[in-house]
Amino acid sequence: PTEALCPSVALGYTMWRLGVRPGWSGHGAVRPWDRAD
C-alpha cells in the first residue's frame, strides 16, 4: 500500500513487458491483457 502506484496502464504494461520479456521467453505476440484491451 503506497501512493506511488503506476500512473498509466500503458506504462504498467511496458514495465511488465520489460521485466517478463515475453519475446525473449518465446511467447510471441500473446499478452495477458489482450482480451481486456
PDB file of all heavy atoms in Angstrom:
ATOM      1  N   PRO A   1       0.831  -1.206   0.000  1.00  0.00           N
ATOM      2  CA  PRO A   1       0.000   0.000   0.000  1.00  0.00           C
ATOM      3  C   PRO A   1       0.867   1.257   0.000  1.00  0.00           C
ATOM      4  O   PRO A   1       1.621   1.499   0.923  1.00  0.00           O
ATOM      5  CB  PRO A   1      -0.807  -0.124   1.300  1.00  0.00           C
ATOM      6  CG  PRO A   1      -0.030  -1.069   2.152  1.00  0.00           C
ATOM      7  CD  PRO A   1       0.766  -1.949   1.229  1.00  0.00           C
ATOM      8  N   THR A   2       0.790   2.029  -1.045  1.00  0.00           N
ATOM      9  CA  THR A   2       1.568   3.247  -1.167  1.00  0.00           C
ATOM     10  C   THR A   2       0.862   4.189  -2.127  1.00  0.00           C
ATOM     11  O   THR A   2      -0.007   3.789  -2.879  1.00  0.00           O
ATOM     12  CB  THR A   2       3.001   2.965  -1.686  1.00  0.00           C
ATOM     13  OG1 THR A   2       3.332   3.860  -2.710  1.00  0.00           O
ATOM     14  CG2 THR A   2       3.187   1.615  -2.186  1.00  0.00           C
ATOM     15  N   GLU A   3       1.296   5.398  -2.146  1.00  0.00           N
ATOM     16  CA  GLU A   3       0.724   6.367  -3.074  1.00  0.00           C
ATOM     17  C   GLU A   3       1.429   6.343  -4.420  1.00  0.00           C
ATOM     18  O   GLU A   3       0.966   6.954  -5.360  1.00  0.00           O
ATOM     19  CB  GLU A   3       0.848   7.770  -2.486  1.00  0.00           C
ATOM     20  CG  GLU A   3      -0.002   7.970  -1.256  1.00  0.00           C
ATOM     21  CD  GLU A   3       0.127   9.380  -0.738  1.00  0.00           C
ATOM     22  OE1 GLU A   3       0.190  10.314  -1.552  1.00  0.00           O
ATOM     23  OE2 GLU A   3       0.157   9.534   0.482  1.00  0.00           O
ATOM     24  N   ALA A   4       2.551   5.693  -4.529  1.00  0.00           N
ATOM     25  CA  ALA A   4       3.366   5.767  -5.740  1.00  0.00           C
ATOM     26  C   ALA A   4       3.013   4.676  -6.745  1.00  0.00           C
ATOM     27  O   ALA A   4       3.874   4.036  -7.298  1.00  0.00           O
ATOM     28  CB  ALA A   4       4.842   5.689  -5.365  1.00  0.00           C
ATOM     29  N   LEU A   5       1.728   4.454  -6.964  1.00  0.00           N
ATOM     30  CA  LEU A   5       1.317   3.463  -7.948  1.00  0.00           C
ATOM     31  C   LEU A   5       1.555   4.000  -9.353  1.00  0.00           C
ATOM     32  O   LEU A   5       1.558   5.204  -9.583  1.00  0.00           O
ATOM     33  CB  LEU A   5      -0.156   3.116  -7.770  1.00  0.00           C
ATOM     34  CG  LEU A   5      -0.494   2.364  -6.485  1.00  0.00           C
ATOM     35  CD1 LEU A   5      -1.993   2.155  -6.388  1.00  0.00           C
ATOM     36  CD2 LEU A   5       0.224   1.038  -6.423  1.00  0.00           C
ATOM     37  N   CYS A   6       1.704   3.095 -10.265  1.00  0.00           N
ATOM     38  CA  CYS A   6       1.937   3.453 -11.659  1.00  0.00           C
ATOM     39  C   CYS A   6       0.792   4.324 -12.165  1.00  0.00           C
ATOM     40  O   CYS A   6      -0.375   3.943 -12.070  1.00  0.00           O
ATOM     41  CB  CYS A   6       2.070   2.181 -12.480  1.00  0.00           C
ATOM     42  SG  CYS A   6       2.456   2.493 -14.190  1.00  0.00           S
ATOM     43  N   PRO A   7       1.102   5.483 -12.731  1.00  0.00           N
ATOM     44  CA  PRO A   7       0.057   6.417 -13.137  1.00  0.00           C
ATOM     45  C   PRO A   7      -0.571   6.120 -14.491  1.00  0.00           C
ATOM     46  O   PRO A   7      -1.448   6.854 -14.940  1.00  0.00           O
ATOM     47  CB  PRO A   7       0.806   7.752 -13.187  1.00  0.00           C
ATOM     48  CG  PRO A   7       2.196   7.362 -13.546  1.00  0.00           C
ATOM     49  CD  PRO A   7       2.437   6.041 -12.867  1.00  0.00           C
ATOM     50  N   SER A   8      -0.147   5.050 -15.160  1.00  0.00           N
ATOM     51  CA  SER A   8      -0.632   4.807 -16.514  1.00  0.00           C
ATOM     52  C   SER A   8      -0.726   3.309 -16.786  1.00  0.00           C
ATOM     53  O   SER A   8       0.213   2.562 -16.488  1.00  0.00           O
ATOM     54  CB  SER A   8       0.340   5.464 -17.499  1.00  0.00           C
ATOM     55  OG  SER A   8       0.277   4.901 -18.770  1.00  0.00           O
ATOM     56  N   VAL A   9      -1.824   2.890 -17.362  1.00  0.00           N
ATOM     57  CA  VAL A   9      -1.977   1.486 -17.747  1.00  0.00           C
ATOM     58  C   VAL A   9      -0.912   1.119 -18.778  1.00  0.00           C
ATOM     59  O   VAL A   9      -0.274   0.067 -18.690  1.00  0.00           O
ATOM     60  CB  VAL A   9      -3.399   1.227 -18.301  1.00  0.00           C
ATOM     61  CG1 VAL A   9      -3.508  -0.164 -18.896  1.00  0.00           C
ATOM     62  CG2 VAL A   9      -4.430   1.434 -17.207  1.00  0.00           C
ATOM     63  N   ALA A  10      -0.681   2.001 -19.737  1.00  0.00           N
ATOM     64  CA  ALA A  10       0.320   1.725 -20.777  1.00  0.00           C
ATOM     65  C   ALA A  10       1.712   1.568 -20.167  1.00  0.00           C
ATOM     66  O   ALA A  10       2.476   0.683 -20.568  1.00  0.00           O
ATOM     67  CB  ALA A  10       0.314   2.834 -21.822  1.00  0.00           C
ATOM     68  N   LEU A  11       2.054   2.404 -19.190  1.00  0.00           N
ATOM     69  CA  LEU A  11       3.348   2.278 -18.526  1.00  0.00           C
ATOM     70  C   LEU A  11       3.415   0.971 -17.738  1.00  0.00           C
ATOM     71  O   LEU A  11       4.446   0.292 -17.737  1.00  0.00           O
ATOM     72  CB  LEU A  11       3.611   3.471 -17.609  1.00  0.00           C
ATOM     73  CG  LEU A  11       4.916   3.427 -16.811  1.00  0.00           C
ATOM     74  CD1 LEU A  11       6.129   3.344 -17.746  1.00  0.00           C
ATOM     75  CD2 LEU A  11       5.028   4.632 -15.896  1.00  0.00           C
ATOM     76  N   GLY A  12       2.321   0.599 -17.090  1.00  0.00           N
ATOM     77  CA  GLY A  12       2.282  -0.674 -16.378  1.00  0.00           C
ATOM     78  C   GLY A  12       2.528  -1.843 -17.312  1.00  0.00           C
ATOM     79  O   GLY A  12       3.290  -2.768 -17.008  1.00  0.00           O
ATOM     80  N   TYR A  13       1.900  -1.809 -18.479  1.00  0.00           N
ATOM     81  CA  TYR A  13       2.124  -2.857 -19.478  1.00  0.00           C
ATOM     82  C   TYR A  13       3.580  -2.861 -19.938  1.00  0.00           C
ATOM     83  O   TYR A  13       4.189  -3.919 -20.112  1.00  0.00           O
ATOM     84  CB  TYR A  13       1.230  -2.639 -20.703  1.00  0.00           C
ATOM     85  CG  TYR A  13      -0.235  -2.920 -20.514  1.00  0.00           C
ATOM     86  CD1 TYR A  13      -1.126  -2.627 -21.533  1.00  0.00           C
ATOM     87  CD2 TYR A  13      -0.753  -3.455 -19.343  1.00  0.00           C
ATOM     88  CE1 TYR A  13      -2.489  -2.874 -21.403  1.00  0.00           C
ATOM     89  CE2 TYR A  13      -2.112  -3.696 -19.196  1.00  0.00           C
ATOM     90  CZ  TYR A  13      -2.968  -3.414 -20.232  1.00  0.00           C
ATOM     91  OH  TYR A  13      -4.299  -3.656 -20.102  1.00  0.00           O
ATOM     92  N   THR A  14       4.145  -1.689 -20.130  1.00  0.00           N
ATOM     93  CA  THR A  14       5.537  -1.582 -20.573  1.00  0.00           C
ATOM     94  C   THR A  14       6.489  -2.160 -19.526  1.00  0.00           C
ATOM     95  O   THR A  14       7.423  -2.892 -19.872  1.00  0.00           O
ATOM     96  CB  THR A  14       5.892  -0.107 -20.874  1.00  0.00           C
ATOM     97  OG1 THR A  14       5.038   0.344 -21.931  1.00  0.00           O
ATOM     98  CG2 THR A  14       7.338   0.051 -21.270  1.00  0.00           C
ATOM     99  N   MET A  15       6.257  -1.842 -18.268  1.00  0.00           N
ATOM    100  CA  MET A  15       7.128  -2.372 -17.204  1.00  0.00           C
ATOM    101  C   MET A  15       6.986  -3.888 -17.107  1.00  0.00           C
ATOM    102  O   MET A  15       7.969  -4.595 -16.886  1.00  0.00           O
ATOM    103  CB  MET A  15       6.816  -1.703 -15.868  1.00  0.00           C
ATOM    104  CG  MET A  15       7.165  -0.221 -15.833  1.00  0.00           C
ATOM    105  SD  MET A  15       8.920   0.115 -16.105  1.00  0.00           S
ATOM    106  CE  MET A  15       9.570  -0.315 -14.490  1.00  0.00           C
ATOM    107  N   TRP A  16       5.777  -4.418 -17.280  1.00  0.00           N
ATOM    108  CA  TRP A  16       5.576  -5.865 -17.261  1.00  0.00           C
ATOM    109  C   TRP A  16       6.351  -6.499 -18.414  1.00  0.00           C
ATOM    110  O   TRP A  16       7.053  -7.479 -18.236  1.00  0.00           O
ATOM    111  CB  TRP A  16       4.087  -6.198 -17.341  1.00  0.00           C
ATOM    112  CG  TRP A  16       3.812  -7.663 -17.217  1.00  0.00           C
ATOM    113  CD1 TRP A  16       3.583  -8.353 -16.062  1.00  0.00           C
ATOM    114  CD2 TRP A  16       3.744  -8.628 -18.274  1.00  0.00           C
ATOM    115  NE1 TRP A  16       3.380  -9.681 -16.340  1.00  0.00           N
ATOM    116  CE2 TRP A  16       3.476  -9.884 -17.695  1.00  0.00           C
ATOM    117  CE3 TRP A  16       3.899  -8.556 -19.657  1.00  0.00           C
ATOM    118  CZ2 TRP A  16       3.349 -11.043 -18.441  1.00  0.00           C
ATOM    119  CZ3 TRP A  16       3.771  -9.715 -20.403  1.00  0.00           C
ATOM    120  CH2 TRP A  16       3.502 -10.938 -19.796  1.00  0.00           C
ATOM    121  N   ARG A  17       6.210  -5.923 -19.623  1.00  0.00           N
ATOM    122  CA  ARG A  17       6.935  -6.459 -20.794  1.00  0.00           C
ATOM    123  C   ARG A  17       8.439  -6.401 -20.567  1.00  0.00           C
ATOM    124  O   ARG A  17       9.162  -7.337 -20.929  1.00  0.00           O
ATOM    125  CB  ARG A  17       6.580  -5.669 -22.052  1.00  0.00           C
ATOM    126  CG  ARG A  17       5.329  -6.123 -22.731  1.00  0.00           C
ATOM    127  CD  ARG A  17       5.184  -5.495 -24.131  1.00  0.00           C
ATOM    128  NE  ARG A  17       5.210  -4.047 -24.111  1.00  0.00           N
ATOM    129  CZ  ARG A  17       4.130  -3.278 -24.029  1.00  0.00           C
ATOM    130  NH1 ARG A  17       2.934  -3.818 -23.973  1.00  0.00           N
ATOM    131  NH2 ARG A  17       4.238  -1.973 -24.031  1.00  0.00           N
ATOM    132  N   LEU A  18       8.923  -5.317 -19.983  1.00  0.00           N
ATOM    133  CA  LEU A  18      10.352  -5.172 -19.725  1.00  0.00           C
ATOM    134  C   LEU A  18      10.844  -6.236 -18.757  1.00  0.00           C
ATOM    135  O   LEU A  18      11.886  -6.846 -18.965  1.00  0.00           O
ATOM    136  CB  LEU A  18      10.641  -3.768 -19.165  1.00  0.00           C
ATOM    137  CG  LEU A  18      12.089  -3.452 -18.826  1.00  0.00           C
ATOM    138  CD1 LEU A  18      12.964  -3.518 -20.072  1.00  0.00           C
ATOM    139  CD2 LEU A  18      12.177  -2.072 -18.196  1.00  0.00           C
ATOM    140  N   GLY A  19      10.090  -6.486 -17.705  1.00  0.00           N
ATOM    141  CA  GLY A  19      10.504  -7.478 -16.716  1.00  0.00           C
ATOM    142  C   GLY A  19      10.341  -8.903 -17.185  1.00  0.00           C
ATOM    143  O   GLY A  19      11.258  -9.721 -17.084  1.00  0.00           O
ATOM    144  N   VAL A  20       9.193  -9.234 -17.734  1.00  0.00           N
ATOM    145  CA  VAL A  20       8.901 -10.621 -18.113  1.00  0.00           C
ATOM    146  C   VAL A  20       9.573 -10.991 -19.431  1.00  0.00           C
ATOM    147  O   VAL A  20       9.904 -12.158 -19.650  1.00  0.00           O
ATOM    148  CB  VAL A  20       7.379 -10.862 -18.157  1.00  0.00           C
ATOM    149  CG1 VAL A  20       7.038 -12.235 -18.697  1.00  0.00           C
ATOM    150  CG2 VAL A  20       6.795 -10.691 -16.749  1.00  0.00           C
ATOM    151  N   ARG A  21       9.807 -10.027 -20.291  1.00  0.00           N
ATOM    152  CA  ARG A  21      10.486 -10.270 -21.570  1.00  0.00           C
ATOM    153  C   ARG A  21       9.810 -11.382 -22.371  1.00  0.00           C
ATOM    154  O   ARG A  21      10.425 -12.397 -22.689  1.00  0.00           O
ATOM    155  CB  ARG A  21      11.954 -10.609 -21.343  1.00  0.00           C
ATOM    156  CG  ARG A  21      12.776  -9.616 -20.550  1.00  0.00           C
ATOM    157  CD  ARG A  21      13.040  -8.349 -21.314  1.00  0.00           C
ATOM    158  NE  ARG A  21      13.759  -8.589 -22.532  1.00  0.00           N
ATOM    159  CZ  ARG A  21      15.007  -8.239 -22.729  1.00  0.00           C
ATOM    160  NH1 ARG A  21      15.666  -7.609 -21.810  1.00  0.00           N
ATOM    161  NH2 ARG A  21      15.586  -8.493 -23.872  1.00  0.00           N
ATOM    162  N   PRO A  22       8.530 -11.226 -22.708  1.00  0.00           N
ATOM    163  CA  PRO A  22       7.822 -12.312 -23.394  1.00  0.00           C
ATOM    164  C   PRO A  22       8.452 -12.719 -24.724  1.00  0.00           C
ATOM    165  O   PRO A  22       8.421 -13.892 -25.083  1.00  0.00           O
ATOM    166  CB  PRO A  22       6.406 -11.778 -23.571  1.00  0.00           C
ATOM    167  CG  PRO A  22       6.478 -10.331 -23.305  1.00  0.00           C
ATOM    168  CD  PRO A  22       7.686 -10.066 -22.481  1.00  0.00           C
ATOM    169  N   GLY A  23       9.042 -11.802 -25.452  1.00  0.00           N
ATOM    170  CA  GLY A  23       9.717 -12.166 -26.699  1.00  0.00           C
ATOM    171  C   GLY A  23      10.919 -13.045 -26.443  1.00  0.00           C
ATOM    172  O   GLY A  23      11.139 -14.062 -27.116  1.00  0.00           O
ATOM    173  N   TRP A  24      11.719 -12.685 -25.454  1.00  0.00           N
ATOM    174  CA  TRP A  24      12.898 -13.463 -25.070  1.00  0.00           C
ATOM    175  C   TRP A  24      12.489 -14.842 -24.574  1.00  0.00           C
ATOM    176  O   TRP A  24      13.176 -15.831 -24.817  1.00  0.00           O
ATOM    177  CB  TRP A  24      13.667 -12.706 -23.984  1.00  0.00           C
ATOM    178  CG  TRP A  24      14.794 -13.460 -23.363  1.00  0.00           C
ATOM    179  CD1 TRP A  24      16.031 -13.682 -23.914  1.00  0.00           C
ATOM    180  CD2 TRP A  24      14.817 -14.084 -22.082  1.00  0.00           C
ATOM    181  NE1 TRP A  24      16.805 -14.405 -23.043  1.00  0.00           N
ATOM    182  CE2 TRP A  24      16.087 -14.667 -21.906  1.00  0.00           C
ATOM    183  CE3 TRP A  24      13.886 -14.209 -21.055  1.00  0.00           C
ATOM    184  CZ2 TRP A  24      16.441 -15.347 -20.761  1.00  0.00           C
ATOM    185  CZ3 TRP A  24      14.252 -14.884 -19.911  1.00  0.00           C
ATOM    186  CH2 TRP A  24      15.513 -15.451 -19.782  1.00  0.00           C
ATOM    187  N   SER A  25      11.334 -14.904 -23.896  1.00  0.00           N
ATOM    188  CA  SER A  25      10.857 -16.176 -23.349  1.00  0.00           C
ATOM    189  C   SER A  25      10.182 -17.050 -24.404  1.00  0.00           C
ATOM    190  O   SER A  25       9.866 -18.197 -24.134  1.00  0.00           O
ATOM    191  CB  SER A  25       9.862 -15.918 -22.211  1.00  0.00           C
ATOM    192  OG  SER A  25      10.486 -15.224 -21.158  1.00  0.00           O
ATOM    193  N   GLY A  26       9.916 -16.510 -25.581  1.00  0.00           N
ATOM    194  CA  GLY A  26       9.315 -17.292 -26.650  1.00  0.00           C
ATOM    195  C   GLY A  26       7.798 -17.265 -26.696  1.00  0.00           C
ATOM    196  O   GLY A  26       7.174 -18.190 -27.190  1.00  0.00           O
ATOM    197  N   HIS A  27       7.174 -16.193 -26.198  1.00  0.00           N
ATOM    198  CA  HIS A  27       5.714 -16.124 -26.158  1.00  0.00           C
ATOM    199  C   HIS A  27       5.098 -15.454 -27.379  1.00  0.00           C
ATOM    200  O   HIS A  27       3.881 -15.328 -27.455  1.00  0.00           O
ATOM    201  CB  HIS A  27       5.243 -15.401 -24.893  1.00  0.00           C
ATOM    202  CG  HIS A  27       5.622 -16.117 -23.662  1.00  0.00           C
ATOM    203  ND1 HIS A  27       5.058 -17.313 -23.291  1.00  0.00           N
ATOM    204  CD2 HIS A  27       6.545 -15.830 -22.717  1.00  0.00           C
ATOM    205  CE1 HIS A  27       5.611 -17.728 -22.171  1.00  0.00           C
ATOM    206  NE2 HIS A  27       6.510 -16.845 -21.803  1.00  0.00           N
ATOM    207  N   GLY A  28       5.910 -14.988 -28.284  1.00  0.00           N
ATOM    208  CA  GLY A  28       5.345 -14.336 -29.462  1.00  0.00           C
ATOM    209  C   GLY A  28       4.614 -13.064 -29.082  1.00  0.00           C
ATOM    210  O   GLY A  28       5.034 -12.331 -28.205  1.00  0.00           O
ATOM    211  N   ALA A  29       3.493 -12.834 -29.729  1.00  0.00           N
ATOM    212  CA  ALA A  29       2.752 -11.590 -29.535  1.00  0.00           C
ATOM    213  C   ALA A  29       1.665 -11.693 -28.467  1.00  0.00           C
ATOM    214  O   ALA A  29       0.983 -10.721 -28.191  1.00  0.00           O
ATOM    215  CB  ALA A  29       2.124 -11.161 -30.857  1.00  0.00           C
ATOM    216  N   VAL A  30       1.494 -12.838 -27.834  1.00  0.00           N
ATOM    217  CA  VAL A  30       0.438 -13.022 -26.838  1.00  0.00           C
ATOM    218  C   VAL A  30       0.794 -12.273 -25.554  1.00  0.00           C
ATOM    219  O   VAL A  30       1.909 -12.364 -25.063  1.00  0.00           O
ATOM    220  CB  VAL A  30       0.242 -14.527 -26.534  1.00  0.00           C
ATOM    221  CG1 VAL A  30      -0.774 -14.733 -25.433  1.00  0.00           C
ATOM    222  CG2 VAL A  30      -0.168 -15.260 -27.793  1.00  0.00           C
ATOM    223  N   ARG A  31      -0.178 -11.535 -25.018  1.00  0.00           N
ATOM    224  CA  ARG A  31      -0.004 -10.813 -23.764  1.00  0.00           C
ATOM    225  C   ARG A  31      -1.229 -11.065 -22.894  1.00  0.00           C
ATOM    226  O   ARG A  31      -2.333 -11.241 -23.409  1.00  0.00           O
ATOM    227  CB  ARG A  31       0.152  -9.302 -24.000  1.00  0.00           C
ATOM    228  CG  ARG A  31       1.320  -8.916 -24.873  1.00  0.00           C
ATOM    229  CD  ARG A  31       2.661  -9.283 -24.233  1.00  0.00           C
ATOM    230  NE  ARG A  31       3.773  -8.957 -25.093  1.00  0.00           N
ATOM    231  CZ  ARG A  31       4.354  -9.804 -25.940  1.00  0.00           C
ATOM    232  NH1 ARG A  31       3.901 -11.023 -26.060  1.00  0.00           N
ATOM    233  NH2 ARG A  31       5.381  -9.440 -26.661  1.00  0.00           N
ATOM    234  N   PRO A  32      -1.072 -11.020 -21.565  1.00  0.00           N
ATOM    235  CA  PRO A  32      -2.213 -11.303 -20.692  1.00  0.00           C
ATOM    236  C   PRO A  32      -3.361 -10.316 -20.827  1.00  0.00           C
ATOM    237  O   PRO A  32      -4.496 -10.640 -20.529  1.00  0.00           O
ATOM    238  CB  PRO A  32      -1.634 -11.253 -19.278  1.00  0.00           C
ATOM    239  CG  PRO A  32      -0.215 -10.908 -19.393  1.00  0.00           C
ATOM    240  CD  PRO A  32       0.148 -10.793 -20.837  1.00  0.00           C
ATOM    241  N   TRP A  33      -3.092  -9.122 -21.265  1.00  0.00           N
ATOM    242  CA  TRP A  33      -4.131  -8.102 -21.327  1.00  0.00           C
ATOM    243  C   TRP A  33      -4.828  -8.044 -22.684  1.00  0.00           C
ATOM    244  O   TRP A  33      -5.708  -7.221 -22.890  1.00  0.00           O
ATOM    245  CB  TRP A  33      -3.554  -6.722 -21.022  1.00  0.00           C
ATOM    246  CG  TRP A  33      -2.415  -6.343 -21.897  1.00  0.00           C
ATOM    247  CD1 TRP A  33      -2.486  -5.846 -23.170  1.00  0.00           C
ATOM    248  CD2 TRP A  33      -1.036  -6.445 -21.586  1.00  0.00           C
ATOM    249  NE1 TRP A  33      -1.224  -5.636 -23.650  1.00  0.00           N
ATOM    250  CE2 TRP A  33      -0.307  -5.987 -22.699  1.00  0.00           C
ATOM    251  CE3 TRP A  33      -0.339  -6.865 -20.456  1.00  0.00           C
ATOM    252  CZ2 TRP A  33       1.082  -5.944 -22.729  1.00  0.00           C
ATOM    253  CZ3 TRP A  33       1.048  -6.831 -20.490  1.00  0.00           C
ATOM    254  CH2 TRP A  33       1.741  -6.374 -21.610  1.00  0.00           C
ATOM    255  N   ASP A  34      -4.493  -8.906 -23.607  1.00  0.00           N
ATOM    256  CA  ASP A  34      -5.080  -8.836 -24.947  1.00  0.00           C
ATOM    257  C   ASP A  34      -6.602  -8.809 -24.915  1.00  0.00           C
ATOM    258  O   ASP A  34      -7.229  -8.001 -25.579  1.00  0.00           O
ATOM    259  CB  ASP A  34      -4.605  -9.996 -25.823  1.00  0.00           C
ATOM    260  CG  ASP A  34      -3.161  -9.813 -26.272  1.00  0.00           C
ATOM    261  OD1 ASP A  34      -2.652  -8.681 -26.180  1.00  0.00           O
ATOM    262  OD2 ASP A  34      -2.549 -10.800 -26.697  1.00  0.00           O
ATOM    263  N   ARG A  35      -7.240  -9.675 -24.159  1.00  0.00           N
ATOM    264  CA  ARG A  35      -8.705  -9.705 -24.108  1.00  0.00           C
ATOM    265  C   ARG A  35      -9.268  -8.461 -23.423  1.00  0.00           C
ATOM    266  O   ARG A  35     -10.260  -7.913 -23.848  1.00  0.00           O
ATOM    267  CB  ARG A  35      -9.189 -10.962 -23.398  1.00  0.00           C
ATOM    268  CG  ARG A  35      -8.951 -12.190 -24.260  1.00  0.00           C
ATOM    269  CD  ARG A  35      -9.586 -13.424 -23.705  1.00  0.00           C
ATOM    270  NE  ARG A  35     -11.009 -13.268 -23.556  1.00  0.00           N
ATOM    271  CZ  ARG A  35     -11.701 -13.807 -22.566  1.00  0.00           C
ATOM    272  NH1 ARG A  35     -11.105 -14.544 -21.659  1.00  0.00           N
ATOM    273  NH2 ARG A  35     -12.994 -13.648 -22.475  1.00  0.00           N
ATOM    274  N   ALA A  36      -8.632  -8.027 -22.349  1.00  0.00           N
ATOM    275  CA  ALA A  36      -9.113  -6.835 -21.642  1.00  0.00           C
ATOM    276  C   ALA A  36      -9.011  -5.612 -22.546  1.00  0.00           C
ATOM    277  O   ALA A  36      -9.905  -4.764 -22.557  1.00  0.00           O
ATOM    278  CB  ALA A  36      -8.319  -6.615 -20.361  1.00  0.00           C
ATOM    279  N   ASP A  37      -7.937  -5.517 -23.313  1.00  0.00           N
ATOM    280  CA  ASP A  37      -7.794  -4.369 -24.207  1.00  0.00           C
ATOM    281  C   ASP A  37      -8.880  -4.346 -25.270  1.00  0.00           C
ATOM    282  O   ASP A  37      -9.352  -3.284 -25.655  1.00  0.00           O
ATOM    283  CB  ASP A  37      -6.414  -4.371 -24.871  1.00  0.00           C
ATOM    284  CG  ASP A  37      -5.365  -3.718 -23.991  1.00  0.00           C
ATOM    285  OD1 ASP A  37      -5.722  -3.253 -22.897  1.00  0.00           O
ATOM    286  OD2 ASP A  37      -4.200  -3.659 -24.403  1.00  0.00           O
TER     287      ASP A  37
END
